[in-house]
Amino acid sequence: DAHEHLKDEAEATRLLDAMNKFGIKRTCLMGSTSYTLTLNPMYGFEGFKENNENLLAIKKKWPDRFCAFVTMNPVDDGNLALLQDYVKRGADGLKLYIGHGGSTGKGPFHSMRIDDPRMDPVFAWAEQTQLPIVLHVNLDKFWDEMLNVLEKHPYLRVNMPHMGLQKNNAAKLRRLGFLLERYPNAYTDMSWGYYLYQQDGFETFAINKSIIKPFIEQHRDKMMYAADMVLEPTKDVPYIENTLRSYMQILEKPKWRFNIVPKKIMIGLGLDDDTLHHIYEVAPANWLLLDDKGNLPDRTKGWPIAGVPVPPRPPIPTLTPDRIPTLHWHHATMLPSGTT
C-alpha cells in the first residue's frame, strides 16, 4: 500500500490487523499536518513535525511492515538539513503538499510553486540519492510547474498520487502517460482519499472503463495500489477493512458491491493477474528500491548503499513543444507508447 496517513501507534496497530487480513506486506505512511488528520479549519500547515516523529517510531517498531515518508513546510528555512536528519534517523522518503489544489483552514497547501528555487536543493538531493517522494500534484492546475521540475530533475523518484487527478478523460490520461513514459522514475497511485472522493473515483473508473483499463494495463509498471485513508481515532476497523477491500475489488472484479453504496452494483476493471501483480508488487518494489528479499534500503548510513545498485539513468530526448500532449486531444482510445 503505497500511500496512507495515520495519527499514531494506535492507528498503526489497527491497520496492521487489516494488512494481515488482506495480505498487505508493507504500507507507506505519509507525514501529515494537524489539518490533514482532523479537517479542523482551526489548523493550517502545523503539527507535521510531531507526526513525522510518530511515523519514525512506528517504522522503528515494525521495520518490515511500514515505511516512513516525512513531510516539511516548503516555506521554512533549513528544509534540506531537516530532511537529511530525518533520513539518517530512518525516514524512507518525503511527502510534499505543494501542488495540492486544496486548502487548510488557514491557507493553501500550495504555498509556493513546485519549481520554486527554494525547493531545488531538496529535489537535487532526492534525485542524487534516489529518495522516493510522494508529491501531491494536481496536474490540471500545476502541469507547467511539475513539468519544469521533472525536466530539471528527470531521474527524480516520485509518486504523483491519485493519478495526478487525470482520470477523467483520454486527453488527461495521455498527459499523465507522457510523464510516466518520459521520466524513468515517475509513478502514480490509484487512491482517492476522503470517502466522497473515493466514490467519485470509482464511478469515474466505471464510466471511463474503456480508456482507463487499457491505460492501466499499458502503464502497469508505474501504477501502484493505495487507499489514502487518513487514519485517526474516528476511523474504526470496519472502515479500514472496507476501504482496503474496495480498492482491491475495483481493480480485480468486473462487478462488485461498494460498501458506501451497497445497493448499487459497481463496474470494476477486472484486471488480469499479471497486471495486478505489477500494481500490487512489481511497481512499488521498483519505486521503493526493495531488494530481492523485499527489504527497504538502509539509508541511515548515507548514499550509495552497499549492495543496492544505483538505478540507471537512460538518456531522455530533448523536450520540444510538439512532444507535450495538450488537453485539446479528444480521440476515444489511447495511443500506444511512443506514438505521436
C-alpha atoms as a PDB file:
ATOM      1  CA  ASP A   1       0.000   0.000   0.000  1.00  0.00           C
ATOM      2  CA  ALA A   2       1.909   2.995  -1.330  1.00  0.00           C
ATOM      3  CA  HIS A   3       0.006   5.867   0.320  1.00  0.00           C
ATOM      4  CA  GLU A   4      -1.520   6.124   3.809  1.00  0.00           C
ATOM      5  CA  HIS A   5      -1.710   8.639   6.650  1.00  0.00           C
ATOM      6  CA  LEU A   6      -2.198   7.912  10.339  1.00  0.00           C
ATOM      7  CA  LYS A   7      -2.013   9.750  13.617  1.00  0.00           C
ATOM      8  CA  ASP A   8      -0.016   7.450  15.903  1.00  0.00           C
ATOM      9  CA  GLU A   9       0.697   3.917  17.058  1.00  0.00           C
ATOM     10  CA  ALA A  10      -2.931   3.176  17.957  1.00  0.00           C
ATOM     11  CA  GLU A  11      -3.936   3.554  14.314  1.00  0.00           C
ATOM     12  CA  ALA A  12      -0.867   1.609  13.185  1.00  0.00           C
ATOM     13  CA  THR A  13      -1.933  -1.347  15.333  1.00  0.00           C
ATOM     14  CA  ARG A  14      -5.430  -1.392  13.825  1.00  0.00           C
ATOM     15  CA  LEU A  15      -4.007  -1.008  10.341  1.00  0.00           C
ATOM     16  CA  LEU A  16      -1.606  -3.909  10.903  1.00  0.00           C
ATOM     17  CA  ASP A  17      -4.507  -6.232  11.718  1.00  0.00           C
ATOM     18  CA  ALA A  18      -6.206  -5.261   8.448  1.00  0.00           C
ATOM     19  CA  MET A  19      -2.942  -5.569   6.498  1.00  0.00           C
ATOM     20  CA  ASN A  20      -2.576  -9.121   7.804  1.00  0.00           C
ATOM     21  CA  LYS A  21      -6.166  -9.923   6.834  1.00  0.00           C
ATOM     22  CA  PHE A  22      -5.737  -8.699   3.258  1.00  0.00           C
ATOM     23  CA  GLY A  23      -2.176  -9.860   2.621  1.00  0.00           C
ATOM     24  CA  ILE A  24      -0.595  -6.388   2.572  1.00  0.00           C
ATOM     25  CA  LYS A  25       3.066  -6.780   3.453  1.00  0.00           C
ATOM     26  CA  ARG A  26       4.019  -3.107   3.810  1.00  0.00           C
ATOM     27  CA  THR A  27       2.344   0.305   3.985  1.00  0.00           C
ATOM     28  CA  CYS A  28       3.970   3.657   3.208  1.00  0.00           C
ATOM     29  CA  LEU A  29       2.969   6.221   5.842  1.00  0.00           C
ATOM     30  CA  MET A  30       2.875   9.900   4.872  1.00  0.00           C
ATOM     31  CA  GLY A  31       3.817  12.748   7.208  1.00  0.00           C
ATOM     32  CA  SER A  32       0.652  14.734   7.946  1.00  0.00           C
ATOM     33  CA  THR A  33      -0.368  18.120   9.278  1.00  0.00           C
ATOM     34  CA  SER A  34      -2.892  18.563  12.070  1.00  0.00           C
ATOM     35  CA  TYR A  35      -5.359  19.773   9.462  1.00  0.00           C
ATOM     36  CA  THR A  36      -4.872  16.657   7.307  1.00  0.00           C
ATOM     37  CA  LEU A  37      -5.609  14.400  10.279  1.00  0.00           C
ATOM     38  CA  THR A  38      -8.614  16.336  11.587  1.00  0.00           C
ATOM     39  CA  LEU A  39     -10.006  18.531   8.750  1.00  0.00           C
ATOM     40  CA  ASN A  40     -10.470  21.098  11.513  1.00  0.00           C
ATOM     41  CA  PRO A  41     -10.347  24.615   9.982  1.00  0.00           C
ATOM     42  CA  MET A  42      -8.577  25.995  13.047  1.00  0.00           C
ATOM     43  CA  TYR A  43      -5.370  24.348  11.765  1.00  0.00           C
ATOM     44  CA  GLY A  44      -3.010  25.251   8.962  1.00  0.00           C
ATOM     45  CA  PHE A  45       0.273  23.613   7.995  1.00  0.00           C
ATOM     46  CA  GLU A  46       1.293  22.676  11.528  1.00  0.00           C
ATOM     47  CA  GLY A  47       1.752  19.646  13.727  1.00  0.00           C
ATOM     48  CA  PHE A  48       3.665  17.828  10.999  1.00  0.00           C
ATOM     49  CA  LYS A  49       6.920  17.518  12.938  1.00  0.00           C
ATOM     50  CA  GLU A  50       5.111  15.683  15.730  1.00  0.00           C
ATOM     51  CA  ASN A  51       3.552  13.350  13.167  1.00  0.00           C
ATOM     52  CA  ASN A  52       6.929  12.805  11.498  1.00  0.00           C
ATOM     53  CA  GLU A  53       8.292  11.613  14.842  1.00  0.00           C
ATOM     54  CA  ASN A  54       5.328   9.278  15.303  1.00  0.00           C
ATOM     55  CA  LEU A  55       5.958   7.730  11.893  1.00  0.00           C
ATOM     56  CA  LEU A  56       9.667   7.249  12.598  1.00  0.00           C
ATOM     57  CA  ALA A  57       8.775   5.493  15.872  1.00  0.00           C
ATOM     58  CA  ILE A  58       6.247   3.260  14.095  1.00  0.00           C
ATOM     59  CA  LYS A  59       8.812   2.387  11.416  1.00  0.00           C
ATOM     60  CA  LYS A  60      11.363   1.548  14.117  1.00  0.00           C
ATOM     61  CA  LYS A  61       8.883  -0.726  15.904  1.00  0.00           C
ATOM     62  CA  TRP A  62       7.694  -2.517  12.731  1.00  0.00           C
ATOM     63  CA  PRO A  63      10.533  -2.038  10.210  1.00  0.00           C
ATOM     64  CA  ASP A  64       9.307  -4.802   7.904  1.00  0.00           C
ATOM     65  CA  ARG A  65       5.713  -3.558   7.762  1.00  0.00           C
ATOM     66  CA  PHE A  66       5.905   0.227   7.431  1.00  0.00           C
ATOM     67  CA  CYS A  67       7.987   2.863   5.695  1.00  0.00           C
ATOM     68  CA  ALA A  68       8.031   6.481   6.859  1.00  0.00           C
ATOM     69  CA  PHE A  69       7.665   9.420   4.471  1.00  0.00           C
ATOM     70  CA  VAL A  70       8.278  12.605   6.459  1.00  0.00           C
ATOM     71  CA  THR A  71       6.927  15.953   5.347  1.00  0.00           C
ATOM     72  CA  MET A  72       8.060  19.574   5.580  1.00  0.00           C
ATOM     73  CA  ASN A  73       6.673  23.071   5.215  1.00  0.00           C
ATOM     74  CA  PRO A  74       8.199  24.295   1.937  1.00  0.00           C
ATOM     75  CA  VAL A  75       8.402  27.920   3.107  1.00  0.00           C
ATOM     76  CA  ASP A  76      10.591  27.070   6.128  1.00  0.00           C
ATOM     77  CA  ASP A  77      14.341  27.623   6.145  1.00  0.00           C
ATOM     78  CA  GLY A  78      16.712  24.681   6.512  1.00  0.00           C
ATOM     79  CA  ASN A  79      14.490  22.064   4.902  1.00  0.00           C
ATOM     80  CA  LEU A  80      17.307  20.131   3.252  1.00  0.00           C
ATOM     81  CA  ALA A  81      19.176  19.723   6.544  1.00  0.00           C
ATOM     82  CA  LEU A  82      15.911  18.736   8.228  1.00  0.00           C
ATOM     83  CA  LEU A  83      15.228  16.081   5.603  1.00  0.00           C
ATOM     84  CA  GLN A  84      18.765  14.726   5.760  1.00  0.00           C
ATOM     85  CA  ASP A  85      18.463  14.357   9.532  1.00  0.00           C
ATOM     86  CA  TYR A  86      15.159  12.511   9.194  1.00  0.00           C
ATOM     87  CA  VAL A  87      16.698  10.110   6.674  1.00  0.00           C
ATOM     88  CA  LYS A  88      19.657   9.443   8.973  1.00  0.00           C
ATOM     89  CA  ARG A  89      17.101   8.538  11.649  1.00  0.00           C
ATOM     90  CA  GLY A  90      15.217   6.088   9.462  1.00  0.00           C
ATOM     91  CA  ALA A  91      12.940   8.003   7.083  1.00  0.00           C
ATOM     92  CA  ASP A  92      12.409   6.244   3.763  1.00  0.00           C
ATOM     93  CA  GLY A  93      11.017   9.103   1.713  1.00  0.00           C
ATOM     94  CA  LEU A  94       9.455  12.559   1.553  1.00  0.00           C
ATOM     95  CA  LYS A  95       5.820  13.651   1.272  1.00  0.00           C
ATOM     96  CA  LEU A  96       5.165  17.085  -0.272  1.00  0.00           C
ATOM     97  CA  TYR A  97       1.882  19.016  -0.378  1.00  0.00           C
ATOM     98  CA  ILE A  98       2.873  21.757  -2.798  1.00  0.00           C
ATOM     99  CA  GLY A  99       0.893  21.075  -5.922  1.00  0.00           C
ATOM    100  CA  HIS A 100      -2.154  20.200  -3.804  1.00  0.00           C
ATOM    101  CA  GLY A 101      -5.116  22.174  -5.129  1.00  0.00           C
ATOM    102  CA  GLY A 102      -6.926  22.337  -1.783  1.00  0.00           C
ATOM    103  CA  SER A 103      -6.504  24.465   1.330  1.00  0.00           C
ATOM    104  CA  THR A 104      -6.087  24.002   5.055  1.00  0.00           C
ATOM    105  CA  GLY A 105      -8.203  26.051   7.388  1.00  0.00           C
ATOM    106  CA  LYS A 106      -5.618  28.817   7.362  1.00  0.00           C
ATOM    107  CA  GLY A 107      -4.278  28.801   3.838  1.00  0.00           C
ATOM    108  CA  PRO A 108      -3.416  26.823   0.702  1.00  0.00           C
ATOM    109  CA  PHE A 109      -1.304  23.695   0.712  1.00  0.00           C
ATOM    110  CA  HIS A 110       0.267  25.126  -2.448  1.00  0.00           C
ATOM    111  CA  SER A 111       2.299  27.718  -0.556  1.00  0.00           C
ATOM    112  CA  MET A 112       4.814  28.158  -3.367  1.00  0.00           C
ATOM    113  CA  ARG A 113       5.337  26.974  -6.917  1.00  0.00           C
ATOM    114  CA  ILE A 114       6.572  23.402  -7.195  1.00  0.00           C
ATOM    115  CA  ASP A 115       9.508  24.708  -9.241  1.00  0.00           C
ATOM    116  CA  ASP A 116      10.314  27.496  -6.759  1.00  0.00           C
ATOM    117  CA  PRO A 117      14.130  27.820  -6.424  1.00  0.00           C
ATOM    118  CA  ARG A 118      13.819  27.266  -2.659  1.00  0.00           C
ATOM    119  CA  MET A 119      12.819  23.653  -3.347  1.00  0.00           C
ATOM    120  CA  ASP A 120      15.646  22.945  -5.753  1.00  0.00           C
ATOM    121  CA  PRO A 121      18.208  21.779  -3.136  1.00  0.00           C
ATOM    122  CA  VAL A 122      15.671  19.253  -1.826  1.00  0.00           C
ATOM    123  CA  PHE A 123      14.852  17.941  -5.292  1.00  0.00           C
ATOM    124  CA  ALA A 124      18.528  17.812  -6.278  1.00  0.00           C
ATOM    125  CA  TRP A 125      19.481  15.815  -3.174  1.00  0.00           C
ATOM    126  CA  ALA A 126      16.485  13.487  -3.539  1.00  0.00           C
ATOM    127  CA  GLU A 127      17.411  12.854  -7.181  1.00  0.00           C
ATOM    128  CA  GLN A 128      21.055  12.251  -6.292  1.00  0.00           C
ATOM    129  CA  THR A 129      20.206   9.780  -3.503  1.00  0.00           C
ATOM    130  CA  GLN A 130      17.130   8.341  -5.249  1.00  0.00           C
ATOM    131  CA  LEU A 131      14.989   9.152  -2.219  1.00  0.00           C
ATOM    132  CA  PRO A 132      11.324   8.491  -3.104  1.00  0.00           C
ATOM    133  CA  ILE A 133       8.955  11.470  -2.989  1.00  0.00           C
ATOM    134  CA  VAL A 134       5.169  11.474  -2.877  1.00  0.00           C
ATOM    135  CA  LEU A 135       4.238  14.809  -4.440  1.00  0.00           C
ATOM    136  CA  HIS A 136       0.517  15.533  -4.212  1.00  0.00           C
ATOM    137  CA  VAL A 137       0.186  17.366  -7.515  1.00  0.00           C
ATOM    138  CA  ASN A 138      -2.981  18.495  -9.248  1.00  0.00           C
ATOM    139  CA  LEU A 139      -1.792  18.300 -12.841  1.00  0.00           C
ATOM    140  CA  ASP A 140      -4.823  20.278 -14.015  1.00  0.00           C
ATOM    141  CA  LYS A 141      -3.628  23.329 -12.084  1.00  0.00           C
ATOM    142  CA  PHE A 142       0.118  22.872 -11.858  1.00  0.00           C
ATOM    143  CA  TRP A 143       1.131  20.986 -15.001  1.00  0.00           C
ATOM    144  CA  ASP A 144       3.791  23.506 -16.079  1.00  0.00           C
ATOM    145  CA  GLU A 145       5.388  23.612 -12.623  1.00  0.00           C
ATOM    146  CA  MET A 146       5.600  19.822 -12.382  1.00  0.00           C
ATOM    147  CA  LEU A 147       6.971  19.531 -15.901  1.00  0.00           C
ATOM    148  CA  ASN A 148       9.642  22.114 -15.098  1.00  0.00           C
ATOM    149  CA  VAL A 149      10.748  20.139 -12.021  1.00  0.00           C
ATOM    150  CA  LEU A 150      10.894  16.843 -13.884  1.00  0.00           C
ATOM    151  CA  GLU A 151      12.818  18.377 -16.770  1.00  0.00           C
ATOM    152  CA  LYS A 152      15.371  19.793 -14.347  1.00  0.00           C
ATOM    153  CA  HIS A 153      15.471  16.585 -12.291  1.00  0.00           C
ATOM    154  CA  PRO A 154      14.434  13.899 -14.792  1.00  0.00           C
ATOM    155  CA  TYR A 155      15.511  10.981 -12.606  1.00  0.00           C
ATOM    156  CA  LEU A 156      13.558  12.100  -9.544  1.00  0.00           C
ATOM    157  CA  ARG A 157      11.902   9.081  -7.897  1.00  0.00           C
ATOM    158  CA  VAL A 158       8.390  10.450  -7.495  1.00  0.00           C
ATOM    159  CA  ASN A 159       4.852   9.198  -6.982  1.00  0.00           C
ATOM    160  CA  MET A 160       2.191  11.613  -8.252  1.00  0.00           C
ATOM    161  CA  PRO A 161      -0.760  10.167  -6.298  1.00  0.00           C
ATOM    162  CA  HIS A 162      -4.418   9.988  -7.299  1.00  0.00           C
ATOM    163  CA  MET A 163      -3.298   9.644 -10.929  1.00  0.00           C
ATOM    164  CA  GLY A 164      -2.459  13.338 -10.762  1.00  0.00           C
ATOM    165  CA  LEU A 165      -6.241  13.941 -10.975  1.00  0.00           C
ATOM    166  CA  GLN A 166      -6.017  12.979 -14.653  1.00  0.00           C
ATOM    167  CA  LYS A 167      -8.509  10.097 -14.692  1.00  0.00           C
ATOM    168  CA  ASN A 168     -11.481  11.902 -16.245  1.00  0.00           C
ATOM    169  CA  ASN A 169     -10.845  11.672 -19.994  1.00  0.00           C
ATOM    170  CA  ALA A 170      -8.476  10.386 -22.656  1.00  0.00           C
ATOM    171  CA  ALA A 171      -6.643  13.697 -23.130  1.00  0.00           C
ATOM    172  CA  LYS A 172      -5.768  13.928 -19.424  1.00  0.00           C
ATOM    173  CA  LEU A 173      -4.726  10.285 -19.292  1.00  0.00           C
ATOM    174  CA  ARG A 174      -2.480  10.862 -22.282  1.00  0.00           C
ATOM    175  CA  ARG A 175      -0.716  13.715 -20.425  1.00  0.00           C
ATOM    176  CA  LEU A 176      -0.213  11.511 -17.363  1.00  0.00           C
ATOM    177  CA  GLY A 177       1.046   8.726 -19.596  1.00  0.00           C
ATOM    178  CA  PHE A 178       3.527  11.142 -21.160  1.00  0.00           C
ATOM    179  CA  LEU A 179       5.075  11.798 -17.717  1.00  0.00           C
ATOM    180  CA  LEU A 180       5.150   8.107 -16.782  1.00  0.00           C
ATOM    181  CA  GLU A 181       6.823   7.195 -20.078  1.00  0.00           C
ATOM    182  CA  ARG A 182       9.267  10.097 -20.343  1.00  0.00           C
ATOM    183  CA  TYR A 183      10.659  10.030 -16.790  1.00  0.00           C
ATOM    184  CA  PRO A 184      12.024   6.614 -15.754  1.00  0.00           C
ATOM    185  CA  ASN A 185      11.303   7.001 -12.026  1.00  0.00           C
ATOM    186  CA  ALA A 186       7.857   8.668 -12.230  1.00  0.00           C
ATOM    187  CA  TYR A 187       4.973   6.647 -10.781  1.00  0.00           C
ATOM    188  CA  THR A 188       1.376   7.157  -9.718  1.00  0.00           C
ATOM    189  CA  ASP A 189      -1.107   5.538  -7.335  1.00  0.00           C
ATOM    190  CA  MET A 190      -4.832   4.909  -7.598  1.00  0.00           C
ATOM    191  CA  SER A 191      -6.000   6.181  -4.209  1.00  0.00           C
ATOM    192  CA  TRP A 192      -8.642   8.902  -3.881  1.00  0.00           C
ATOM    193  CA  GLY A 193      -8.654   9.834  -0.177  1.00  0.00           C
ATOM    194  CA  TYR A 194     -11.808  11.162   1.509  1.00  0.00           C
ATOM    195  CA  TYR A 195     -14.713   8.736   1.071  1.00  0.00           C
ATOM    196  CA  LEU A 196     -16.683  11.045  -1.222  1.00  0.00           C
ATOM    197  CA  TYR A 197     -13.624  11.408  -3.448  1.00  0.00           C
ATOM    198  CA  GLN A 198     -13.236   7.638  -3.292  1.00  0.00           C
ATOM    199  CA  GLN A 199     -16.789   7.130  -4.521  1.00  0.00           C
ATOM    200  CA  ASP A 200     -16.265   9.684  -7.295  1.00  0.00           C
ATOM    201  CA  GLY A 201     -13.018   7.997  -8.323  1.00  0.00           C
ATOM    202  CA  PHE A 202     -14.629   4.551  -8.523  1.00  0.00           C
ATOM    203  CA  GLU A 203     -17.589   5.878 -10.509  1.00  0.00           C
ATOM    204  CA  THR A 204     -15.242   7.676 -12.888  1.00  0.00           C
ATOM    205  CA  PHE A 205     -13.332   4.427 -13.396  1.00  0.00           C
ATOM    206  CA  ALA A 206     -16.617   2.677 -14.222  1.00  0.00           C
ATOM    207  CA  ILE A 207     -17.809   5.354 -16.644  1.00  0.00           C
ATOM    208  CA  ASN A 208     -14.446   5.530 -18.418  1.00  0.00           C
ATOM    209  CA  LYS A 209     -13.507   1.840 -18.186  1.00  0.00           C
ATOM    210  CA  SER A 210     -12.936   1.603 -21.945  1.00  0.00           C
ATOM    211  CA  ILE A 211      -9.997   4.033 -21.735  1.00  0.00           C
ATOM    212  CA  ILE A 212      -8.843   3.625 -18.113  1.00  0.00           C
ATOM    213  CA  LYS A 213      -8.394  -0.153 -18.217  1.00  0.00           C
ATOM    214  CA  PRO A 214      -6.058  -0.134 -21.261  1.00  0.00           C
ATOM    215  CA  PHE A 215      -4.196   2.852 -19.776  1.00  0.00           C
ATOM    216  CA  ILE A 216      -3.524   0.951 -16.549  1.00  0.00           C
ATOM    217  CA  GLU A 217      -2.535  -2.185 -18.465  1.00  0.00           C
ATOM    218  CA  GLN A 218      -0.149  -0.179 -20.649  1.00  0.00           C
ATOM    219  CA  HIS A 219       1.456   1.563 -17.652  1.00  0.00           C
ATOM    220  CA  ARG A 220       1.252  -1.243 -15.116  1.00  0.00           C
ATOM    221  CA  ASP A 221       4.967  -0.865 -14.289  1.00  0.00           C
ATOM    222  CA  LYS A 222       4.200   2.623 -12.945  1.00  0.00           C
ATOM    223  CA  MET A 223       0.768   2.115 -11.292  1.00  0.00           C
ATOM    224  CA  MET A 224       0.517   1.353  -7.548  1.00  0.00           C
ATOM    225  CA  TYR A 225      -2.177   0.200  -5.153  1.00  0.00           C
ATOM    226  CA  ALA A 226      -3.008   2.625  -2.323  1.00  0.00           C
ATOM    227  CA  ALA A 227      -6.020   3.690  -0.230  1.00  0.00           C
ATOM    228  CA  ASP A 228      -5.078   7.031   1.448  1.00  0.00           C
ATOM    229  CA  MET A 229      -7.495   6.502   4.371  1.00  0.00           C
ATOM    230  CA  VAL A 230      -6.067   9.179   6.751  1.00  0.00           C
ATOM    231  CA  LEU A 231      -6.490   7.125   9.918  1.00  0.00           C
ATOM    232  CA  GLU A 232      -7.332   8.837  13.204  1.00  0.00           C
ATOM    233  CA  PRO A 233      -9.457   7.719  16.175  1.00  0.00           C
ATOM    234  CA  THR A 234     -12.831   8.007  14.367  1.00  0.00           C
ATOM    235  CA  LYS A 235     -11.812   5.546  11.624  1.00  0.00           C
ATOM    236  CA  ASP A 236     -12.869   2.167  13.012  1.00  0.00           C
ATOM    237  CA  VAL A 237     -11.915  -1.374  11.966  1.00  0.00           C
ATOM    238  CA  PRO A 238     -14.855  -1.855   9.542  1.00  0.00           C
ATOM    239  CA  TYR A 239     -13.922   1.411   7.805  1.00  0.00           C
ATOM    240  CA  ILE A 240     -10.320   0.277   7.383  1.00  0.00           C
ATOM    241  CA  GLU A 241     -11.232  -3.179   6.123  1.00  0.00           C
ATOM    242  CA  ASN A 242     -13.990  -1.976   3.802  1.00  0.00           C
ATOM    243  CA  THR A 243     -11.726   0.657   2.278  1.00  0.00           C
ATOM    244  CA  LEU A 244      -8.763  -1.635   1.661  1.00  0.00           C
ATOM    245  CA  ARG A 245     -11.102  -4.253   0.218  1.00  0.00           C
ATOM    246  CA  SER A 246     -12.870  -1.793  -2.074  1.00  0.00           C
ATOM    247  CA  TYR A 247      -9.619  -0.659  -3.702  1.00  0.00           C
ATOM    248  CA  MET A 248      -8.833  -4.308  -4.430  1.00  0.00           C
ATOM    249  CA  GLN A 249     -12.314  -5.035  -5.745  1.00  0.00           C
ATOM    250  CA  ILE A 250     -12.350  -2.130  -8.211  1.00  0.00           C
ATOM    251  CA  LEU A 251      -9.124  -3.489  -9.706  1.00  0.00           C
ATOM    252  CA  GLU A 252      -9.911  -7.205  -9.576  1.00  0.00           C
ATOM    253  CA  LYS A 253     -13.651  -7.632 -10.184  1.00  0.00           C
ATOM    254  CA  PRO A 254     -15.729  -6.933 -13.309  1.00  0.00           C
ATOM    255  CA  LYS A 255     -18.701  -6.276 -10.998  1.00  0.00           C
ATOM    256  CA  TRP A 256     -18.813  -5.762  -7.236  1.00  0.00           C
ATOM    257  CA  ARG A 257     -20.666  -4.100  -4.357  1.00  0.00           C
ATOM    258  CA  PHE A 258     -19.241  -0.962  -2.771  1.00  0.00           C
ATOM    259  CA  ASN A 259     -19.844  -0.617   0.965  1.00  0.00           C
ATOM    260  CA  ILE A 260     -20.659   3.106   0.662  1.00  0.00           C
ATOM    261  CA  VAL A 261     -23.475   2.453  -1.829  1.00  0.00           C
ATOM    262  CA  PRO A 262     -24.206  -1.259  -1.210  1.00  0.00           C
ATOM    263  CA  LYS A 263     -27.479  -1.348  -3.189  1.00  0.00           C
ATOM    264  CA  LYS A 264     -25.665  -0.330  -6.375  1.00  0.00           C
ATOM    265  CA  ILE A 265     -23.710  -2.842  -8.436  1.00  0.00           C
ATOM    266  CA  MET A 266     -20.398  -1.236  -9.316  1.00  0.00           C
ATOM    267  CA  ILE A 267     -18.483  -1.832 -12.533  1.00  0.00           C
ATOM    268  CA  GLY A 268     -14.900  -2.878 -11.861  1.00  0.00           C
ATOM    269  CA  LEU A 269     -11.859  -3.094 -14.108  1.00  0.00           C
ATOM    270  CA  GLY A 270     -11.396  -6.875 -13.908  1.00  0.00           C
ATOM    271  CA  LEU A 271      -7.648  -6.672 -14.477  1.00  0.00           C
ATOM    272  CA  ASP A 272      -5.697  -9.837 -15.281  1.00  0.00           C
ATOM    273  CA  ASP A 273      -3.415 -11.457 -12.709  1.00  0.00           C
ATOM    274  CA  ASP A 274      -0.180 -10.288 -14.336  1.00  0.00           C
ATOM    275  CA  THR A 275      -1.313  -6.654 -14.339  1.00  0.00           C
ATOM    276  CA  LEU A 276      -2.419  -6.990 -10.707  1.00  0.00           C
ATOM    277  CA  HIS A 277       0.965  -8.492  -9.814  1.00  0.00           C
ATOM    278  CA  HIS A 278       2.675  -5.415 -11.249  1.00  0.00           C
ATOM    279  CA  ILE A 279       0.337  -2.989  -9.429  1.00  0.00           C
ATOM    280  CA  TYR A 280       0.494  -4.780  -6.081  1.00  0.00           C
ATOM    281  CA  GLU A 281       4.142  -5.856  -6.073  1.00  0.00           C
ATOM    282  CA  VAL A 282       6.410  -5.005  -9.003  1.00  0.00           C
ATOM    283  CA  ALA A 283       5.787  -1.257  -9.317  1.00  0.00           C
ATOM    284  CA  PRO A 284       6.027  -0.442  -5.569  1.00  0.00           C
ATOM    285  CA  ALA A 285       9.106  -2.646  -5.195  1.00  0.00           C
ATOM    286  CA  ASN A 286      10.826  -0.790  -8.029  1.00  0.00           C
ATOM    287  CA  TRP A 287       9.721   2.619  -6.742  1.00  0.00           C
ATOM    288  CA  LEU A 288      10.968   1.904  -3.200  1.00  0.00           C
ATOM    289  CA  LEU A 289      14.136   0.142  -4.454  1.00  0.00           C
ATOM    290  CA  LEU A 290      13.357  -3.023  -2.480  1.00  0.00           C
ATOM    291  CA  ASP A 291      15.955  -5.786  -2.692  1.00  0.00           C
ATOM    292  CA  ASP A 292      15.171  -9.323  -3.871  1.00  0.00           C
ATOM    293  CA  LYS A 293      14.026 -10.213  -0.336  1.00  0.00           C
ATOM    294  CA  GLY A 294      11.632  -7.267  -0.152  1.00  0.00           C
ATOM    295  CA  ASN A 295      13.794  -5.183   2.188  1.00  0.00           C
ATOM    296  CA  LEU A 296      13.931  -1.398   2.109  1.00  0.00           C
ATOM    297  CA  PRO A 297      17.276   0.326   1.533  1.00  0.00           C
ATOM    298  CA  ASP A 298      19.030   1.248   4.790  1.00  0.00           C
ATOM    299  CA  ARG A 299      19.585   4.954   4.178  1.00  0.00           C
ATOM    300  CA  THR A 300      20.784   5.754   7.712  1.00  0.00           C
ATOM    301  CA  LYS A 301      24.441   5.492   6.671  1.00  0.00           C
ATOM    302  CA  GLY A 302      24.145   7.621   3.526  1.00  0.00           C
ATOM    303  CA  TRP A 303      24.130   7.007  -0.208  1.00  0.00           C
ATOM    304  CA  PRO A 304      25.136   4.985  -2.182  1.00  0.00           C
ATOM    305  CA  ILE A 305      24.237   1.905  -0.147  1.00  0.00           C
ATOM    306  CA  ALA A 306      26.357  -1.216  -0.250  1.00  0.00           C
ATOM    307  CA  GLY A 307      24.554  -3.937  -2.164  1.00  0.00           C
ATOM    308  CA  VAL A 308      21.916  -1.595  -3.610  1.00  0.00           C
ATOM    309  CA  PRO A 309      22.520  -0.951  -7.321  1.00  0.00           C
ATOM    310  CA  VAL A 310      22.379   2.696  -8.337  1.00  0.00           C
ATOM    311  CA  PRO A 311      19.380   2.972 -10.688  1.00  0.00           C
ATOM    312  CA  PRO A 312      20.299   3.558 -14.338  1.00  0.00           C
ATOM    313  CA  ARG A 313      19.842   6.934 -15.968  1.00  0.00           C
ATOM    314  CA  PRO A 314      18.748   6.243 -19.527  1.00  0.00           C
ATOM    315  CA  PRO A 315      19.016   9.143 -21.997  1.00  0.00           C
ATOM    316  CA  ILE A 316      15.919  11.304 -22.276  1.00  0.00           C
ATOM    317  CA  PRO A 317      15.123  13.025 -25.604  1.00  0.00           C
ATOM    318  CA  THR A 318      15.195  16.802 -25.741  1.00  0.00           C
ATOM    319  CA  LEU A 319      11.783  18.195 -24.885  1.00  0.00           C
ATOM    320  CA  THR A 320      10.236  20.275 -27.655  1.00  0.00           C
ATOM    321  CA  PRO A 321       6.737  21.798 -27.592  1.00  0.00           C
ATOM    322  CA  ASP A 322       5.406  19.334 -30.158  1.00  0.00           C
ATOM    323  CA  ARG A 323       6.191  16.440 -27.786  1.00  0.00           C
ATOM    324  CA  ILE A 324       3.985  17.767 -24.966  1.00  0.00           C
ATOM    325  CA  PRO A 325       0.393  16.472 -25.082  1.00  0.00           C
ATOM    326  CA  THR A 326      -2.331  19.084 -24.867  1.00  0.00           C
ATOM    327  CA  LEU A 327      -5.821  18.900 -23.402  1.00  0.00           C
ATOM    328  CA  HIS A 328      -7.329  19.566 -26.832  1.00  0.00           C
ATOM    329  CA  TRP A 329      -6.839  15.947 -27.876  1.00  0.00           C
ATOM    330  CA  HIS A 330     -10.199  14.133 -27.986  1.00  0.00           C
ATOM    331  CA  HIS A 331      -9.535  10.739 -29.584  1.00  0.00           C
ATOM    332  CA  ALA A 332     -11.583   7.989 -27.948  1.00  0.00           C
ATOM    333  CA  THR A 333      -8.787   5.478 -27.473  1.00  0.00           C
ATOM    334  CA  MET A 334      -5.295   5.561 -26.025  1.00  0.00           C
ATOM    335  CA  LEU A 335      -2.366   5.656 -28.420  1.00  0.00           C
ATOM    336  CA  PRO A 336       0.345   3.035 -27.960  1.00  0.00           C
ATOM    337  CA  SER A 337       3.556   4.036 -26.245  1.00  0.00           C
ATOM    338  CA  GLY A 338       5.803   6.208 -28.381  1.00  0.00           C
ATOM    339  CA  THR A 339       3.032   7.311 -30.773  1.00  0.00           C
ATOM    340  CA  THR A 340       2.586  10.998 -31.507  1.00  0.00           C
END
